[in-house]
Amino acid sequence: MRRLLAPLALVLPALLPACGSSFPQPNDQFAAAQKDVGRAQEGGAQGIPDAKLHLQLANESLTKAKELMDKDNKRAASLISRASAEAELALALAKASMAKADADEATEKLAKAKAK
C-alpha cells in the first residue's frame, strides 16, 4: 500500500496547479463587460445616484477581475459576470429614471393644458 501512495504523493502536487489554471482566461467576457459598462456610462448612469453606485461596483469588479486573470481565472470570470450584471442594472436604472422624468414632465404639461 505504501508503495502505491509514494508515487501518488509525488505526482499529485504537480497536478494540482494545473487544476486552477485549466479554467480558460475570460478575455472575451472581460471585453463584453467593458462594453456593458460603456453602454451604462453613455446611457447616463453617472448622473443618477443609484445607477452611479452600480456603475462603480461594475468598475471595481472589472478591476479586481483583471488582477486575478492568470492567477484565478474562475474567480475572475465570476467577477466579470457580476460586473456585467451591475452595468446592465445601472443602465436600466438610468433609463427608468429618465422615463420617470419624461412622464412627470408630460403629466405637468397635461395639467397645465387642462387648467387653461
N, C-alpha and C. Protein backbone atom coordinates (compact mmCIF):
# COMPACT_ATOMS: atom_id res chain seq x y z
N MET A 1 0.82 -1.20 0.00
CA MET A 1 0.00 0.00 0.00
C MET A 1 0.86 1.25 0.00
N ARG A 2 1.93 1.19 0.79
CA ARG A 2 2.81 2.33 0.87
C ARG A 2 3.50 2.59 -0.47
N ARG A 3 3.78 1.54 -1.19
CA ARG A 3 4.42 1.67 -2.49
C ARG A 3 3.51 2.39 -3.49
N LEU A 4 2.22 2.21 -3.35
CA LEU A 4 1.27 2.88 -4.24
C LEU A 4 1.11 4.35 -3.89
N LEU A 5 1.15 4.69 -2.63
CA LEU A 5 0.92 6.07 -2.21
C LEU A 5 2.12 6.97 -2.46
N ALA A 6 3.32 6.43 -2.40
CA ALA A 6 4.52 7.25 -2.59
C ALA A 6 4.53 7.89 -3.98
N PRO A 7 4.33 7.16 -5.06
CA PRO A 7 4.31 7.82 -6.38
C PRO A 7 3.15 8.80 -6.52
N LEU A 8 2.04 8.47 -5.92
CA LEU A 8 0.89 9.36 -5.97
C LEU A 8 1.20 10.66 -5.25
N ALA A 9 1.89 10.59 -4.13
CA ALA A 9 2.26 11.78 -3.37
C ALA A 9 3.20 12.66 -4.18
N LEU A 10 3.98 12.08 -5.06
CA LEU A 10 4.88 12.87 -5.89
C LEU A 10 4.16 13.50 -7.09
N VAL A 11 3.21 12.80 -7.64
CA VAL A 11 2.51 13.26 -8.83
C VAL A 11 1.39 14.24 -8.50
N LEU A 12 0.69 14.02 -7.42
CA LEU A 12 -0.47 14.84 -7.07
C LEU A 12 -0.13 16.32 -6.93
N PRO A 13 0.92 16.71 -6.21
CA PRO A 13 1.22 18.15 -6.13
C PRO A 13 1.52 18.78 -7.48
N ALA A 14 2.06 18.02 -8.39
CA ALA A 14 2.35 18.55 -9.72
C ALA A 14 1.07 18.77 -10.53
N LEU A 15 0.06 17.99 -10.25
CA LEU A 15 -1.20 18.11 -10.97
C LEU A 15 -2.11 19.19 -10.42
N LEU A 16 -2.00 19.50 -9.15
CA LEU A 16 -2.90 20.48 -8.53
C LEU A 16 -2.81 21.86 -9.13
N PRO A 17 -1.63 22.41 -9.39
CA PRO A 17 -1.62 23.73 -10.02
C PRO A 17 -2.30 23.75 -11.37
N ALA A 18 -2.25 22.67 -12.08
CA ALA A 18 -2.89 22.60 -13.39
C ALA A 18 -4.40 22.70 -13.27
N CYS A 19 -4.94 22.24 -12.16
CA CYS A 19 -6.39 22.32 -11.97
C CYS A 19 -6.86 23.77 -11.93
N GLY A 20 -6.14 24.61 -11.22
CA GLY A 20 -6.54 26.01 -11.10
C GLY A 20 -6.38 26.77 -12.39
N SER A 21 -5.37 26.45 -13.16
CA SER A 21 -5.12 27.20 -14.38
C SER A 21 -5.82 26.59 -15.59
N SER A 22 -6.51 25.48 -15.40
CA SER A 22 -7.18 24.85 -16.53
C SER A 22 -8.42 25.64 -16.96
N PHE A 23 -8.90 26.51 -16.13
CA PHE A 23 -10.03 27.35 -16.48
C PHE A 23 -9.52 28.42 -17.44
N PRO A 24 -10.12 28.56 -18.61
CA PRO A 24 -9.58 29.49 -19.61
C PRO A 24 -9.70 30.95 -19.17
N GLN A 25 -8.76 31.73 -19.63
CA GLN A 25 -8.76 33.15 -19.30
C GLN A 25 -9.99 33.79 -19.95
N PRO A 26 -10.79 34.52 -19.18
CA PRO A 26 -12.07 35.07 -19.70
C PRO A 26 -11.91 36.39 -20.45
N ASN A 27 -11.08 36.41 -21.47
CA ASN A 27 -10.82 37.64 -22.22
C ASN A 27 -12.05 38.17 -22.95
N ASP A 28 -12.79 37.28 -23.59
CA ASP A 28 -13.99 37.70 -24.33
C ASP A 28 -15.05 38.26 -23.39
N GLN A 29 -15.23 37.59 -22.26
CA GLN A 29 -16.22 38.05 -21.28
C GLN A 29 -15.81 39.42 -20.71
N PHE A 30 -14.50 39.58 -20.51
CA PHE A 30 -13.99 40.85 -19.99
C PHE A 30 -14.31 41.98 -20.96
N ALA A 31 -14.05 41.75 -22.24
CA ALA A 31 -14.34 42.77 -23.26
C ALA A 31 -15.83 43.09 -23.32
N ALA A 32 -16.66 42.06 -23.22
CA ALA A 32 -18.11 42.27 -23.25
C ALA A 32 -18.57 43.08 -22.04
N ALA A 33 -18.00 42.79 -20.88
CA ALA A 33 -18.37 43.52 -19.67
C ALA A 33 -17.93 44.98 -19.77
N GLN A 34 -16.77 45.21 -20.37
CA GLN A 34 -16.33 46.59 -20.58
C GLN A 34 -17.30 47.34 -21.48
N LYS A 35 -17.82 46.66 -22.50
CA LYS A 35 -18.81 47.28 -23.37
C LYS A 35 -20.09 47.59 -22.60
N ASP A 36 -20.49 46.68 -21.71
CA ASP A 36 -21.68 46.92 -20.88
C ASP A 36 -21.49 48.16 -20.01
N VAL A 37 -20.30 48.30 -19.45
CA VAL A 37 -20.00 49.48 -18.63
C VAL A 37 -20.06 50.74 -19.49
N GLY A 38 -19.51 50.67 -20.69
CA GLY A 38 -19.55 51.81 -21.60
C GLY A 38 -20.96 52.21 -21.97
N ARG A 39 -21.81 51.21 -22.22
CA ARG A 39 -23.22 51.50 -22.53
C ARG A 39 -23.91 52.17 -21.35
N ALA A 40 -23.61 51.71 -20.16
CA ALA A 40 -24.22 52.32 -18.97
C ALA A 40 -23.77 53.77 -18.81
N GLN A 41 -22.49 54.02 -19.07
CA GLN A 41 -21.99 55.40 -18.98
C GLN A 41 -22.65 56.28 -20.03
N GLU A 42 -22.75 55.77 -21.26
CA GLU A 42 -23.38 56.52 -22.34
C GLU A 42 -24.86 56.73 -22.08
N GLY A 43 -25.47 55.80 -21.35
CA GLY A 43 -26.89 55.88 -21.04
C GLY A 43 -27.23 56.82 -19.90
N GLY A 44 -26.22 57.49 -19.35
CA GLY A 44 -26.48 58.48 -18.31
C GLY A 44 -26.44 57.95 -16.89
N ALA A 45 -25.85 56.79 -16.68
CA ALA A 45 -25.83 56.18 -15.35
C ALA A 45 -25.07 57.02 -14.33
N GLN A 46 -24.08 57.79 -14.79
CA GLN A 46 -23.30 58.58 -13.84
C GLN A 46 -24.09 59.74 -13.25
N GLY A 47 -25.18 60.12 -13.90
CA GLY A 47 -25.99 61.23 -13.40
C GLY A 47 -27.12 60.81 -12.47
N ILE A 48 -27.29 59.53 -12.26
CA ILE A 48 -28.37 59.01 -11.41
C ILE A 48 -27.71 58.32 -10.21
N PRO A 49 -27.94 58.78 -8.99
CA PRO A 49 -27.22 58.23 -7.83
C PRO A 49 -27.25 56.70 -7.71
N ASP A 50 -28.41 56.09 -7.82
CA ASP A 50 -28.47 54.63 -7.70
C ASP A 50 -27.72 53.95 -8.84
N ALA A 51 -27.87 54.46 -10.03
CA ALA A 51 -27.19 53.89 -11.18
C ALA A 51 -25.68 54.09 -11.08
N LYS A 52 -25.29 55.24 -10.57
CA LYS A 52 -23.86 55.54 -10.40
C LYS A 52 -23.21 54.55 -9.45
N LEU A 53 -23.91 54.18 -8.39
CA LEU A 53 -23.39 53.19 -7.44
C LEU A 53 -23.13 51.86 -8.13
N HIS A 54 -24.08 51.39 -8.91
CA HIS A 54 -23.92 50.11 -9.59
C HIS A 54 -22.84 50.18 -10.68
N LEU A 55 -22.70 51.33 -11.29
CA LEU A 55 -21.63 51.53 -12.27
C LEU A 55 -20.27 51.45 -11.58
N GLN A 56 -20.18 52.04 -10.41
CA GLN A 56 -18.94 51.98 -9.63
C GLN A 56 -18.62 50.54 -9.22
N LEU A 57 -19.64 49.81 -8.79
CA LEU A 57 -19.44 48.40 -8.42
C LEU A 57 -18.98 47.58 -9.63
N ALA A 58 -19.52 47.87 -10.79
CA ALA A 58 -19.11 47.17 -12.01
C ALA A 58 -17.64 47.44 -12.31
N ASN A 59 -17.24 48.70 -12.20
CA ASN A 59 -15.84 49.05 -12.46
C ASN A 59 -14.90 48.39 -11.45
N GLU A 60 -15.31 48.35 -10.19
CA GLU A 60 -14.49 47.71 -9.16
C GLU A 60 -14.34 46.21 -9.43
N SER A 61 -15.42 45.58 -9.85
CA SER A 61 -15.37 44.15 -10.16
C SER A 61 -14.45 43.88 -11.34
N LEU A 62 -14.50 44.74 -12.36
CA LEU A 62 -13.61 44.56 -13.51
C LEU A 62 -12.15 44.76 -13.13
N THR A 63 -11.89 45.73 -12.28
CA THR A 63 -10.52 45.97 -11.83
C THR A 63 -9.98 44.75 -11.09
N LYS A 64 -10.78 44.22 -10.18
CA LYS A 64 -10.37 43.05 -9.41
C LYS A 64 -10.21 41.83 -10.33
N ALA A 65 -11.11 41.68 -11.29
CA ALA A 65 -11.03 40.56 -12.23
C ALA A 65 -9.74 40.62 -13.04
N LYS A 66 -9.37 41.81 -13.46
CA LYS A 66 -8.14 41.96 -14.25
C LYS A 66 -6.92 41.55 -13.42
N GLU A 67 -6.93 41.89 -12.13
CA GLU A 67 -5.84 41.50 -11.24
C GLU A 67 -5.77 39.98 -11.08
N LEU A 68 -6.93 39.33 -11.10
CA LEU A 68 -6.98 37.88 -10.87
C LEU A 68 -6.70 37.04 -12.11
N MET A 69 -6.77 37.63 -13.27
CA MET A 69 -6.55 36.85 -14.50
C MET A 69 -5.18 36.19 -14.45
N ASP A 70 -5.13 34.97 -14.85
CA ASP A 70 -3.96 34.09 -14.83
C ASP A 70 -3.71 33.49 -13.45
N LYS A 71 -4.13 34.16 -12.39
CA LYS A 71 -3.96 33.60 -11.05
C LYS A 71 -5.14 32.72 -10.69
N ASP A 72 -6.34 33.25 -10.93
CA ASP A 72 -7.58 32.53 -10.61
C ASP A 72 -8.63 32.92 -11.65
N ASN A 73 -8.55 32.28 -12.80
CA ASN A 73 -9.44 32.62 -13.91
C ASN A 73 -10.91 32.36 -13.60
N LYS A 74 -11.17 31.36 -12.79
CA LYS A 74 -12.57 31.06 -12.44
C LYS A 74 -13.17 32.19 -11.62
N ARG A 75 -12.43 32.66 -10.64
CA ARG A 75 -12.89 33.79 -9.81
C ARG A 75 -12.99 35.05 -10.67
N ALA A 76 -12.04 35.25 -11.56
CA ALA A 76 -12.07 36.41 -12.45
C ALA A 76 -13.33 36.38 -13.31
N ALA A 77 -13.66 35.20 -13.83
CA ALA A 77 -14.87 35.07 -14.66
C ALA A 77 -16.12 35.39 -13.86
N SER A 78 -16.13 34.97 -12.61
CA SER A 78 -17.27 35.26 -11.74
C SER A 78 -17.40 36.77 -11.51
N LEU A 79 -16.29 37.43 -11.27
CA LEU A 79 -16.32 38.89 -11.07
C LEU A 79 -16.72 39.62 -12.34
N ILE A 80 -16.32 39.10 -13.47
CA ILE A 80 -16.69 39.71 -14.75
C ILE A 80 -18.20 39.58 -14.98
N SER A 81 -18.76 38.43 -14.64
CA SER A 81 -20.22 38.26 -14.76
C SER A 81 -20.95 39.23 -13.85
N ARG A 82 -20.41 39.40 -12.66
CA ARG A 82 -21.02 40.34 -11.72
C ARG A 82 -20.92 41.77 -12.27
N ALA A 83 -19.78 42.12 -12.82
CA ALA A 83 -19.60 43.46 -13.38
C ALA A 83 -20.59 43.72 -14.50
N SER A 84 -20.78 42.74 -15.34
CA SER A 84 -21.72 42.87 -16.44
C SER A 84 -23.14 43.09 -15.92
N ALA A 85 -23.52 42.31 -14.92
CA ALA A 85 -24.86 42.46 -14.33
C ALA A 85 -25.02 43.83 -13.67
N GLU A 86 -24.00 44.28 -12.97
CA GLU A 86 -24.05 45.61 -12.33
C GLU A 86 -24.19 46.71 -13.38
N ALA A 87 -23.46 46.58 -14.47
CA ALA A 87 -23.53 47.59 -15.53
C ALA A 87 -24.91 47.59 -16.18
N GLU A 88 -25.47 46.41 -16.42
CA GLU A 88 -26.81 46.33 -17.00
C GLU A 88 -27.84 46.93 -16.05
N LEU A 89 -27.68 46.69 -14.76
CA LEU A 89 -28.59 47.28 -13.78
C LEU A 89 -28.45 48.79 -13.77
N ALA A 90 -27.23 49.27 -13.83
CA ALA A 90 -27.00 50.72 -13.86
C ALA A 90 -27.70 51.36 -15.06
N LEU A 91 -27.58 50.72 -16.21
CA LEU A 91 -28.24 51.24 -17.41
C LEU A 91 -29.76 51.21 -17.26
N ALA A 92 -30.28 50.13 -16.72
CA ALA A 92 -31.74 50.02 -16.53
C ALA A 92 -32.24 51.08 -15.56
N LEU A 93 -31.50 51.31 -14.48
CA LEU A 93 -31.89 52.34 -13.52
C LEU A 93 -31.85 53.73 -14.14
N ALA A 94 -30.84 53.98 -14.96
CA ALA A 94 -30.74 55.28 -15.63
C ALA A 94 -31.91 55.48 -16.59
N LYS A 95 -32.21 54.45 -17.37
CA LYS A 95 -33.34 54.55 -18.30
C LYS A 95 -34.65 54.75 -17.57
N ALA A 96 -34.84 54.03 -16.47
CA ALA A 96 -36.08 54.16 -15.69
C ALA A 96 -36.20 55.56 -15.10
N SER A 97 -35.10 56.09 -14.62
CA SER A 97 -35.13 57.44 -14.05
C SER A 97 -35.46 58.48 -15.12
N MET A 98 -34.88 58.32 -16.30
CA MET A 98 -35.17 59.26 -17.39
C MET A 98 -36.61 59.12 -17.87
N ALA A 99 -37.11 57.91 -17.92
CA ALA A 99 -38.50 57.69 -18.33
C ALA A 99 -39.46 58.31 -17.32
N LYS A 100 -39.13 58.20 -16.04
CA LYS A 100 -39.97 58.80 -15.00
C LYS A 100 -39.96 60.32 -15.11
N ALA A 101 -38.79 60.88 -15.38
CA ALA A 101 -38.69 62.33 -15.54
C ALA A 101 -39.52 62.79 -16.74
N ASP A 102 -39.45 62.04 -17.84
CA ASP A 102 -40.26 62.38 -19.02
C ASP A 102 -41.75 62.28 -18.72
N ALA A 103 -42.14 61.24 -17.99
CA ALA A 103 -43.55 61.05 -17.64
C ALA A 103 -44.02 62.17 -16.72
N ASP A 104 -43.18 62.55 -15.77
CA ASP A 104 -43.55 63.65 -14.86
C ASP A 104 -43.72 64.96 -15.63
N GLU A 105 -42.84 65.18 -16.58
CA GLU A 105 -42.92 66.39 -17.40
C GLU A 105 -44.19 66.39 -18.25
N ALA A 106 -44.53 65.26 -18.83
CA ALA A 106 -45.74 65.16 -19.63
C ALA A 106 -46.99 65.36 -18.77
N THR A 107 -46.96 64.80 -17.58
CA THR A 107 -48.10 64.96 -16.66
C THR A 107 -48.27 66.43 -16.28
N GLU A 108 -47.15 67.10 -16.04
CA GLU A 108 -47.21 68.51 -15.69
C GLU A 108 -47.75 69.36 -16.85
N LYS A 109 -47.32 69.05 -18.07
CA LYS A 109 -47.81 69.77 -19.24
C LYS A 109 -49.31 69.55 -19.43
N LEU A 110 -49.73 68.31 -19.20
CA LEU A 110 -51.15 67.97 -19.33
C LEU A 110 -51.97 68.73 -18.29
N ALA A 111 -51.47 68.79 -17.09
CA ALA A 111 -52.18 69.51 -16.01
C ALA A 111 -52.29 70.98 -16.35
N LYS A 112 -51.23 71.57 -16.92
CA LYS A 112 -51.28 72.98 -17.30
C LYS A 112 -52.25 73.21 -18.44
N ALA A 113 -52.29 72.27 -19.37
CA ALA A 113 -53.22 72.40 -20.50
C ALA A 113 -54.66 72.32 -20.05
N LYS A 114 -54.94 71.47 -19.06
CA LYS A 114 -56.29 71.34 -18.55
C LYS A 114 -56.71 72.57 -17.75
N ALA A 115 -55.74 73.22 -17.13
CA ALA A 115 -56.02 74.40 -16.31
C ALA A 115 -56.41 75.61 -17.17
N LYS A 116 -56.00 75.62 -18.42
CA LYS A 116 -56.31 76.75 -19.30
C LYS A 116 -57.69 76.71 -19.75
